[in-house]
Amino acid sequence: MSEKYYFGQGKLWIAEILAGGALGPWVWLGDVSELSGQGSETPVQHRESFSGTNALVREFSRELGMAWSATLHQLDVDNVGRFTRSKMSETIGGTVTGEELPNPVADGDLIALDNMNVSDLVLTDSLTPTPATLELGVHYDYDVFGDIEILTLPTSPAPTEPLLAAYSHGATKQAALLAGSRKNYALKYKGINLAENEAPILVELYKVSAGLLQQLALITSGNQLAGSPVTFTTLLDTSKPASGDLGQFGRFVELA
């Protein structure tokens, strides 16, 4: 038997286990800089009490398991939502006219619109029959998040309130943190062993429970990109026979 070494790179895929046990679509988790597993067992030992030395006479293990850790670098709304047990939702783009701002408003106020991904915002007052238009950059400013900052309201004449907003807004996708339900997943690692001429390696975990993100760095410094660790616990997949070649937890495959 010749020696063999390992230096791995590859892609980690995930699929939600749906009701009834079927798998949802496989999704690539993006750049994962670290992926490792650790086995666990609970030993049962017995030492005899007849020789005077309390020698160990029996040892076996129970509660076998494996825990996995991965460091994610693709921190998009899907990954953040998936690993913060979030409720996911989306909005479509559109246009809004006549959205009333709070009444009254004052210089320095920061007002949130009903939508985000905002563009082409125009503020008018409620004067009839001809509303007055406020000047962007002089009377107010706004950002893509849908926040309006009142800079300096005109005084001569003062605007007739409530102020009215007209704007366009693009589509958004959001994760409501910790508002979703716990889910189980299947994992698939498709990699290569650079130490052995890029030999292909496959690791499949049939059923895992995903932990919450251990860290979500939103402000970063230095010269390292943000990475978020997440853990998985391997669960018994009873849909597979215990005596089958696949086992009930997962498999490690070398492609000859």
C-alpha atoms as a PDB file:
ATOM      1  CA  MET A   1       0.000   0.000   0.000  1.00  0.00           C
ATOM      2  CA  SER A   2       1.475   3.341  -1.061  1.00  0.00           C
ATOM      3  CA  GLU A   3       1.148   6.458   1.055  1.00  0.00           C
ATOM      4  CA  LYS A   4      -1.616   8.908   0.255  1.00  0.00           C
ATOM      5  CA  TYR A   5      -2.062  12.537   1.341  1.00  0.00           C
ATOM      6  CA  TYR A   6      -4.891  15.019   1.190  1.00  0.00           C
ATOM      7  CA  PHE A   7      -5.191  18.704   0.327  1.00  0.00           C
ATOM      8  CA  GLY A   8      -8.755  19.517  -0.583  1.00  0.00           C
ATOM      9  CA  GLN A   9     -10.653  22.154  -2.496  1.00  0.00           C
ATOM     10  CA  GLY A  10     -14.188  21.969  -3.787  1.00  0.00           C
ATOM     11  CA  LYS A  11     -17.811  23.038  -3.659  1.00  0.00           C
ATOM     12  CA  LEU A  12     -20.363  22.458  -0.899  1.00  0.00           C
ATOM     13  CA  TRP A  13     -23.995  22.000  -1.939  1.00  0.00           C
ATOM     14  CA  ILE A  14     -27.115  21.973   0.226  1.00  0.00           C
ATOM     15  CA  ALA A  15     -30.693  20.798  -0.304  1.00  0.00           C
ATOM     16  CA  GLU A  16     -33.628  21.236   2.043  1.00  0.00           C
ATOM     17  CA  ILE A  17     -35.369  18.038   3.136  1.00  0.00           C
ATOM     18  CA  LEU A  18     -39.029  18.698   2.381  1.00  0.00           C
ATOM     19  CA  ALA A  19     -42.139  17.229   3.968  1.00  0.00           C
ATOM     20  CA  GLY A  20     -42.300  13.539   3.154  1.00  0.00           C
ATOM     21  CA  GLY A  21     -38.526  13.256   2.862  1.00  0.00           C
ATOM     22  CA  ALA A  22     -38.057  14.491  -0.707  1.00  0.00           C
ATOM     23  CA  LEU A  23     -35.130  16.815  -1.422  1.00  0.00           C
ATOM     24  CA  GLY A  24     -35.560  20.345  -2.663  1.00  0.00           C
ATOM     25  CA  PRO A  25     -33.211  21.748  -5.315  1.00  0.00           C
ATOM     26  CA  TRP A  26     -29.476  21.547  -4.675  1.00  0.00           C
ATOM     27  CA  VAL A  27     -27.934  24.981  -4.061  1.00  0.00           C
ATOM     28  CA  TRP A  28     -24.229  25.828  -4.089  1.00  0.00           C
ATOM     29  CA  LEU A  29     -23.311  27.640  -0.862  1.00  0.00           C
ATOM     30  CA  GLY A  30     -20.622  29.697  -2.596  1.00  0.00           C
ATOM     31  CA  ASP A  31     -17.041  30.064  -1.441  1.00  0.00           C
ATOM     32  CA  VAL A  32     -16.365  27.887   1.617  1.00  0.00           C
ATOM     33  CA  SER A  33     -12.815  28.279   2.939  1.00  0.00           C
ATOM     34  CA  GLU A  34     -12.997  25.585   5.635  1.00  0.00           C
ATOM     35  CA  LEU A  35     -14.981  22.377   5.894  1.00  0.00           C
ATOM     36  CA  SER A  36     -14.245  19.764   8.526  1.00  0.00           C
ATOM     37  CA  GLY A  37     -15.975  16.980  10.406  1.00  0.00           C
ATOM     38  CA  GLN A  38     -15.421  15.523  13.839  1.00  0.00           C
ATOM     39  CA  GLY A  39     -16.679  12.176  15.072  1.00  0.00           C
ATOM     40  CA  SER A  40     -18.129  11.729  18.533  1.00  0.00           C
ATOM     41  CA  GLU A  41     -18.965   8.774  20.746  1.00  0.00           C
ATOM     42  CA  THR A  42     -19.857   8.108  24.337  1.00  0.00           C
ATOM     43  CA  PRO A  43     -17.608   5.393  25.793  1.00  0.00           C
ATOM     44  CA  VAL A  44     -18.936   2.834  28.247  1.00  0.00           C
ATOM     45  CA  GLN A  45     -16.245   1.279  30.448  1.00  0.00           C
ATOM     46  CA  HIS A  46     -16.265  -1.279  33.231  1.00  0.00           C
ATOM     47  CA  ARG A  47     -13.435  -2.015  35.677  1.00  0.00           C
ATOM     48  CA  GLU A  48     -13.450  -5.267  37.617  1.00  0.00           C
ATOM     49  CA  SER A  49     -13.528  -5.380  41.391  1.00  0.00           C
ATOM     50  CA  PHE A  50     -12.037  -8.815  42.072  1.00  0.00           C
ATOM     51  CA  SER A  51      -8.285  -8.515  41.410  1.00  0.00           C
ATOM     52  CA  GLY A  52      -7.403  -5.545  43.548  1.00  0.00           C
ATOM     53  CA  THR A  53      -6.194  -3.545  40.518  1.00  0.00           C
ATOM     54  CA  ASN A  54      -9.548  -2.405  39.125  1.00  0.00           C
ATOM     55  CA  ALA A  55      -8.414  -3.380  35.641  1.00  0.00           C
ATOM     56  CA  LEU A  56     -10.435  -2.351  32.617  1.00  0.00           C
ATOM     57  CA  VAL A  57     -12.286  -5.432  31.365  1.00  0.00           C
ATOM     58  CA  ARG A  58     -14.906  -4.026  29.009  1.00  0.00           C
ATOM     59  CA  GLU A  59     -15.113  -0.974  26.769  1.00  0.00           C
ATOM     60  CA  PHE A  60     -17.564  -0.124  24.016  1.00  0.00           C
ATOM     61  CA  SER A  61     -19.167   2.971  22.546  1.00  0.00           C
ATOM     62  CA  ARG A  62     -22.672   4.343  22.259  1.00  0.00           C
ATOM     63  CA  GLU A  63     -24.221   7.547  20.863  1.00  0.00           C
ATOM     64  CA  LEU A  64     -22.112   7.667  17.710  1.00  0.00           C
ATOM     65  CA  GLY A  65     -22.287  10.883  15.717  1.00  0.00           C
ATOM     66  CA  MET A  66     -20.485  13.493  13.647  1.00  0.00           C
ATOM     67  CA  ALA A  67     -20.432  17.275  13.793  1.00  0.00           C
ATOM     68  CA  TRP A  68     -19.349  19.467  10.896  1.00  0.00           C
ATOM     69  CA  SER A  69     -18.177  23.051  10.603  1.00  0.00           C
ATOM     70  CA  ALA A  70     -17.920  25.270   7.538  1.00  0.00           C
ATOM     71  CA  THR A  71     -16.807  28.865   7.020  1.00  0.00           C
ATOM     72  CA  LEU A  72     -19.011  30.672   4.509  1.00  0.00           C
ATOM     73  CA  HIS A  73     -17.901  33.689   2.498  1.00  0.00           C
ATOM     74  CA  GLN A  74     -20.996  34.106   0.329  1.00  0.00           C
ATOM     75  CA  LEU A  75     -23.019  36.177   2.767  1.00  0.00           C
ATOM     76  CA  ASP A  76     -26.024  36.899   0.577  1.00  0.00           C
ATOM     77  CA  VAL A  77     -29.608  37.058   1.795  1.00  0.00           C
ATOM     78  CA  ASP A  78     -30.177  33.367   1.017  1.00  0.00           C
ATOM     79  CA  ASN A  79     -27.252  32.095   3.084  1.00  0.00           C
ATOM     80  CA  VAL A  80     -27.866  34.546   5.916  1.00  0.00           C
ATOM     81  CA  GLY A  81     -31.542  33.607   5.950  1.00  0.00           C
ATOM     82  CA  ARG A  82     -30.846  29.880   5.785  1.00  0.00           C
ATOM     83  CA  PHE A  83     -28.466  29.936   8.744  1.00  0.00           C
ATOM     84  CA  THR A  84     -30.353  32.408  10.935  1.00  0.00           C
ATOM     85  CA  ARG A  85     -33.583  30.406  10.701  1.00  0.00           C
ATOM     86  CA  SER A  86     -35.269  33.297   8.942  1.00  0.00           C
ATOM     87  CA  LYS A  87     -38.623  33.783   7.260  1.00  0.00           C
ATOM     88  CA  MET A  88     -37.943  34.688   3.628  1.00  0.00           C
ATOM     89  CA  SER A  89     -40.023  37.087   1.532  1.00  0.00           C
ATOM     90  CA  GLU A  90     -39.730  39.081  -1.672  1.00  0.00           C
ATOM     91  CA  THR A  91     -41.307  42.229  -3.090  1.00  0.00           C
ATOM     92  CA  ILE A  92     -41.653  43.184  -6.728  1.00  0.00           C
ATOM     93  CA  GLY A  93     -40.766  46.575  -8.152  1.00  0.00           C
ATOM     94  CA  GLY A  94     -43.316  49.257  -8.927  1.00  0.00           C
ATOM     95  CA  THR A  95     -44.218  52.927  -8.660  1.00  0.00           C
ATOM     96  CA  VAL A  96     -45.901  54.886  -5.887  1.00  0.00           C
ATOM     97  CA  THR A  97     -47.753  58.204  -6.005  1.00  0.00           C
ATOM     98  CA  GLY A  98     -49.263  60.212  -3.198  1.00  0.00           C
ATOM     99  CA  GLU A  99     -47.626  58.423  -0.250  1.00  0.00           C
ATOM    100  CA  GLU A 100     -48.238  60.694   2.723  1.00  0.00           C
ATOM    101  CA  LEU A 101     -45.362  61.575   5.030  1.00  0.00           C
ATOM    102  CA  PRO A 102     -45.968  62.103   8.767  1.00  0.00           C
ATOM    103  CA  ASN A 103     -47.649  65.396   9.603  1.00  0.00           C
ATOM    104  CA  PRO A 104     -45.973  67.596  10.615  1.00  0.00           C
ATOM    105  CA  VAL A 105     -42.349  67.214   9.536  1.00  0.00           C
ATOM    106  CA  ALA A 106     -39.444  69.368  10.678  1.00  0.00           C
ATOM    107  CA  ASP A 107     -35.903  70.113   9.586  1.00  0.00           C
ATOM    108  CA  GLY A 108     -33.605  67.200  10.444  1.00  0.00           C
ATOM    109  CA  ASP A 109     -36.330  64.543  10.438  1.00  0.00           C
ATOM    110  CA  LEU A 110     -35.475  61.117   8.997  1.00  0.00           C
ATOM    111  CA  ILE A 111     -38.545  59.467   7.496  1.00  0.00           C
ATOM    112  CA  ALA A 112     -38.832  55.905   6.190  1.00  0.00           C
ATOM    113  CA  LEU A 113     -40.897  55.284   3.070  1.00  0.00           C
ATOM    114  CA  ASP A 114     -43.103  52.214   2.739  1.00  0.00           C
ATOM    115  CA  ASN A 115     -40.693  50.661   0.209  1.00  0.00           C
ATOM    116  CA  MET A 116     -36.942  50.281  -0.359  1.00  0.00           C
ATOM    117  CA  ASN A 117     -34.704  50.224  -3.440  1.00  0.00           C
ATOM    118  CA  VAL A 118     -36.007  53.717  -4.142  1.00  0.00           C
ATOM    119  CA  SER A 119     -35.258  55.921  -7.149  1.00  0.00           C
ATOM    120  CA  ASP A 120     -36.659  59.060  -8.825  1.00  0.00           C
ATOM    121  CA  LEU A 121     -38.211  60.403  -5.623  1.00  0.00           C
ATOM    122  CA  VAL A 122     -40.201  63.640  -5.880  1.00  0.00           C
ATOM    123  CA  LEU A 123     -41.781  65.411  -2.885  1.00  0.00           C
ATOM    124  CA  THR A 124     -44.710  67.770  -3.266  1.00  0.00           C
ATOM    125  CA  ASP A 125     -46.969  69.465  -0.759  1.00  0.00           C
ATOM    126  CA  SER A 126     -50.767  69.192  -0.525  1.00  0.00           C
ATOM    127  CA  LEU A 127     -51.601  72.637  -1.872  1.00  0.00           C
ATOM    128  CA  THR A 128     -54.649  72.622  -4.174  1.00  0.00           C
ATOM    129  CA  PRO A 129     -55.158  72.942  -7.015  1.00  0.00           C
ATOM    130  CA  THR A 130     -51.406  73.164  -7.820  1.00  0.00           C
ATOM    131  CA  PRO A 131     -49.038  71.434  -5.364  1.00  0.00           C
ATOM    132  CA  ALA A 132     -45.596  72.966  -4.807  1.00  0.00           C
ATOM    133  CA  THR A 133     -42.586  70.764  -5.587  1.00  0.00           C
ATOM    134  CA  LEU A 134     -39.735  70.608  -3.083  1.00  0.00           C
ATOM    135  CA  GLU A 135     -36.165  70.733  -4.399  1.00  0.00           C
ATOM    136  CA  LEU A 136     -33.949  67.670  -4.029  1.00  0.00           C
ATOM    137  CA  GLY A 137     -30.625  68.481  -2.345  1.00  0.00           C
ATOM    138  CA  VAL A 138     -32.002  71.727  -0.917  1.00  0.00           C
ATOM    139  CA  HIS A 139     -35.170  70.818   0.934  1.00  0.00           C
ATOM    140  CA  TYR A 140     -34.631  67.074   1.261  1.00  0.00           C
ATOM    141  CA  ASP A 141     -32.400  64.162   0.360  1.00  0.00           C
ATOM    142  CA  TYR A 142     -32.990  60.399   0.199  1.00  0.00           C
ATOM    143  CA  ASP A 143     -31.165  57.106  -0.203  1.00  0.00           C
ATOM    144  CA  VAL A 144     -31.804  53.778  -1.897  1.00  0.00           C
ATOM    145  CA  PHE A 145     -32.979  52.288   1.421  1.00  0.00           C
ATOM    146  CA  GLY A 146     -36.073  54.509   1.358  1.00  0.00           C
ATOM    147  CA  ASP A 147     -35.037  57.001   4.046  1.00  0.00           C
ATOM    148  CA  ILE A 148     -35.836  60.677   3.461  1.00  0.00           C
ATOM    149  CA  GLU A 149     -33.855  63.331   5.325  1.00  0.00           C
ATOM    150  CA  ILE A 150     -35.576  66.689   5.637  1.00  0.00           C
ATOM    151  CA  LEU A 151     -32.835  69.289   5.186  1.00  0.00           C
ATOM    152  CA  THR A 152     -34.491  72.719   5.278  1.00  0.00           C
ATOM    153  CA  LEU A 153     -38.166  73.242   4.563  1.00  0.00           C
ATOM    154  CA  PRO A 154     -39.114  76.349   2.588  1.00  0.00           C
ATOM    155  CA  THR A 155     -40.561  79.128   4.726  1.00  0.00           C
ATOM    156  CA  SER A 156     -41.940  81.613   2.244  1.00  0.00           C
ATOM    157  CA  PRO A 157     -44.386  80.175   1.639  1.00  0.00           C
ATOM    158  CA  ALA A 158     -44.304  77.176   3.960  1.00  0.00           C
ATOM    159  CA  PRO A 159     -45.443  73.916   2.343  1.00  0.00           C
ATOM    160  CA  THR A 160     -48.967  72.674   2.887  1.00  0.00           C
ATOM    161  CA  GLU A 161     -48.738  69.406   4.761  1.00  0.00           C
ATOM    162  CA  PRO A 162     -48.841  66.468   4.595  1.00  0.00           C
ATOM    163  CA  LEU A 163     -45.998  66.171   2.126  1.00  0.00           C
ATOM    164  CA  LEU A 164     -46.575  63.590  -0.613  1.00  0.00           C
ATOM    165  CA  ALA A 165     -43.979  61.228  -2.088  1.00  0.00           C
ATOM    166  CA  ALA A 166     -43.884  59.832  -5.621  1.00  0.00           C
ATOM    167  CA  TYR A 167     -41.136  57.382  -6.564  1.00  0.00           C
ATOM    168  CA  SER A 168     -40.105  54.135  -8.200  1.00  0.00           C
ATOM    169  CA  HIS A 169     -38.916  51.137  -6.220  1.00  0.00           C
ATOM    170  CA  GLY A 170     -37.104  47.994  -7.309  1.00  0.00           C
ATOM    171  CA  ALA A 171     -37.501  44.412  -6.181  1.00  0.00           C
ATOM    172  CA  THR A 172     -36.172  43.330  -2.784  1.00  0.00           C
ATOM    173  CA  LYS A 173     -35.578  40.045  -0.986  1.00  0.00           C
ATOM    174  CA  GLN A 174     -35.376  39.880   2.788  1.00  0.00           C
ATOM    175  CA  ALA A 175     -34.703  37.478   5.632  1.00  0.00           C
ATOM    176  CA  ALA A 176     -36.646  38.129   8.842  1.00  0.00           C
ATOM    177  CA  LEU A 177     -34.102  36.918  11.404  1.00  0.00           C
ATOM    178  CA  LEU A 178     -35.110  34.046  13.711  1.00  0.00           C
ATOM    179  CA  ALA A 179     -38.701  34.208  12.431  1.00  0.00           C
ATOM    180  CA  GLY A 180     -38.703  30.919  10.519  1.00  0.00           C
ATOM    181  CA  SER A 181     -38.841  27.257  11.442  1.00  0.00           C
ATOM    182  CA  ARG A 182     -36.019  24.789  11.977  1.00  0.00           C
ATOM    183  CA  LYS A 183     -35.223  22.717   8.881  1.00  0.00           C
ATOM    184  CA  ASN A 184     -33.137  19.687   8.053  1.00  0.00           C
ATOM    185  CA  TYR A 185     -30.858  19.503   5.035  1.00  0.00           C
ATOM    186  CA  ALA A 186     -28.749  17.171   2.954  1.00  0.00           C
ATOM    187  CA  LEU A 187     -25.146  18.173   2.185  1.00  0.00           C
ATOM    188  CA  LYS A 188     -22.949  17.207  -0.735  1.00  0.00           C
ATOM    189  CA  TYR A 189     -19.257  18.071  -1.070  1.00  0.00           C
ATOM    190  CA  LYS A 190     -17.743  17.633  -4.523  1.00  0.00           C
ATOM    191  CA  GLY A 191     -14.009  18.251  -4.361  1.00  0.00           C
ATOM    192  CA  ILE A 192     -10.567  17.400  -5.610  1.00  0.00           C
ATOM    193  CA  ASN A 193      -7.488  16.185  -3.751  1.00  0.00           C
ATOM    194  CA  LEU A 194      -4.655  18.431  -4.927  1.00  0.00           C
ATOM    195  CA  ALA A 195      -2.093  16.245  -3.158  1.00  0.00           C
ATOM    196  CA  GLU A 196      -3.006  13.278  -5.353  1.00  0.00           C
ATOM    197  CA  ASN A 197      -3.216  14.681  -8.886  1.00  0.00           C
ATOM    198  CA  GLU A 198      -6.604  16.314  -8.289  1.00  0.00           C
ATOM    199  CA  ALA A 199      -8.317  13.012  -7.594  1.00  0.00           C
ATOM    200  CA  PRO A 200     -12.095  13.581  -7.272  1.00  0.00           C
ATOM    201  CA  ILE A 201     -13.669  13.209  -3.830  1.00  0.00           C
ATOM    202  CA  LEU A 202     -17.357  13.039  -2.918  1.00  0.00           C
ATOM    203  CA  VAL A 203     -18.801  13.351   0.584  1.00  0.00           C
ATOM    204  CA  GLU A 204     -22.546  13.081   1.106  1.00  0.00           C
ATOM    205  CA  LEU A 205     -24.385  13.673   4.373  1.00  0.00           C
ATOM    206  CA  TYR A 206     -27.931  12.432   4.045  1.00  0.00           C
ATOM    207  CA  LYS A 207     -29.542  14.383   6.870  1.00  0.00           C
ATOM    208  CA  VAL A 208     -28.134  17.205   8.984  1.00  0.00           C
ATOM    209  CA  SER A 209     -29.424  19.803  11.393  1.00  0.00           C
ATOM    210  CA  ALA A 210     -27.942  23.246  10.737  1.00  0.00           C
ATOM    211  CA  GLY A 211     -26.875  25.507  13.589  1.00  0.00           C
ATOM    212  CA  LEU A 212     -27.139  29.281  13.594  1.00  0.00           C
ATOM    213  CA  LEU A 213     -24.367  31.441  12.170  1.00  0.00           C
ATOM    214  CA  GLN A 214     -21.742  31.761  14.866  1.00  0.00           C
ATOM    215  CA  GLN A 215     -20.647  35.173  13.622  1.00  0.00           C
ATOM    216  CA  LEU A 216     -21.930  37.691  11.077  1.00  0.00           C
ATOM    217  CA  ALA A 217     -19.315  40.410  10.586  1.00  0.00           C
ATOM    218  CA  LEU A 218     -21.024  43.414   8.983  1.00  0.00           C
ATOM    219  CA  ILE A 219     -18.183  45.929   9.390  1.00  0.00           C
ATOM    220  CA  THR A 220     -14.776  44.617   8.363  1.00  0.00           C
ATOM    221  CA  SER A 221     -11.242  45.990   8.331  1.00  0.00           C
ATOM    222  CA  GLY A 222      -7.768  44.822   7.409  1.00  0.00           C
ATOM    223  CA  ASN A 223      -7.199  42.753   4.289  1.00  0.00           C
ATOM    224  CA  GLN A 224      -9.364  39.692   5.002  1.00  0.00           C
ATOM    225  CA  LEU A 225     -12.847  39.162   3.596  1.00  0.00           C
ATOM    226  CA  ALA A 226     -15.619  38.381   6.058  1.00  0.00           C
ATOM    227  CA  GLY A 227     -16.280  34.728   6.824  1.00  0.00           C
ATOM    228  CA  SER A 228     -19.101  33.267   8.896  1.00  0.00           C
ATOM    229  CA  PRO A 229     -18.745  29.881  10.633  1.00  0.00           C
ATOM    230  CA  VAL A 230     -21.742  27.556  10.708  1.00  0.00           C
ATOM    231  CA  THR A 231     -22.113  24.067  12.176  1.00  0.00           C
ATOM    232  CA  PHE A 232     -24.044  20.962  11.156  1.00  0.00           C
ATOM    233  CA  THR A 233     -24.976  17.887  13.167  1.00  0.00           C
ATOM    234  CA  THR A 234     -25.365  14.586  11.335  1.00  0.00           C
ATOM    235  CA  LEU A 235     -28.724  12.880  11.933  1.00  0.00           C
ATOM    236  CA  LEU A 236     -29.807   9.290  11.355  1.00  0.00           C
ATOM    237  CA  ASP A 237     -31.560   8.889   7.992  1.00  0.00           C
ATOM    238  CA  THR A 238     -34.047   6.099   8.625  1.00  0.00           C
ATOM    239  CA  SER A 239     -35.220   6.150   5.003  1.00  0.00           C
ATOM    240  CA  LYS A 240     -32.099   4.123   4.162  1.00  0.00           C
ATOM    241  CA  PRO A 241     -31.635   0.535   5.358  1.00  0.00           C
ATOM    242  CA  ALA A 242     -29.186   0.105   8.216  1.00  0.00           C
ATOM    243  CA  SER A 243     -27.531  -2.835   6.457  1.00  0.00           C
ATOM    244  CA  GLY A 244     -27.278  -1.142   3.054  1.00  0.00           C
ATOM    245  CA  ASP A 245     -24.065  -0.053   1.366  1.00  0.00           C
ATOM    246  CA  LEU A 246     -24.945   3.639   1.781  1.00  0.00           C
ATOM    247  CA  GLY A 247     -25.355   3.493   5.545  1.00  0.00           C
ATOM    248  CA  GLN A 248     -27.710   5.884   7.325  1.00  0.00           C
ATOM    249  CA  PHE A 249     -25.500   8.917   7.953  1.00  0.00           C
ATOM    250  CA  GLY A 250     -23.353   9.636   4.917  1.00  0.00           C
ATOM    251  CA  ARG A 251     -20.537   8.390   2.749  1.00  0.00           C
ATOM    252  CA  PHE A 252     -17.004   9.301   1.640  1.00  0.00           C
ATOM    253  CA  VAL A 253     -16.299   8.276  -1.962  1.00  0.00           C
ATOM    254  CA  GLU A 254     -13.043   8.109  -3.920  1.00  0.00           C
ATOM    255  CA  LEU A 255     -13.478   7.968  -7.671  1.00  0.00           C
ATOM    256  CA  ALA A 256     -10.798   5.630  -8.986  1.00  0.00           C
END
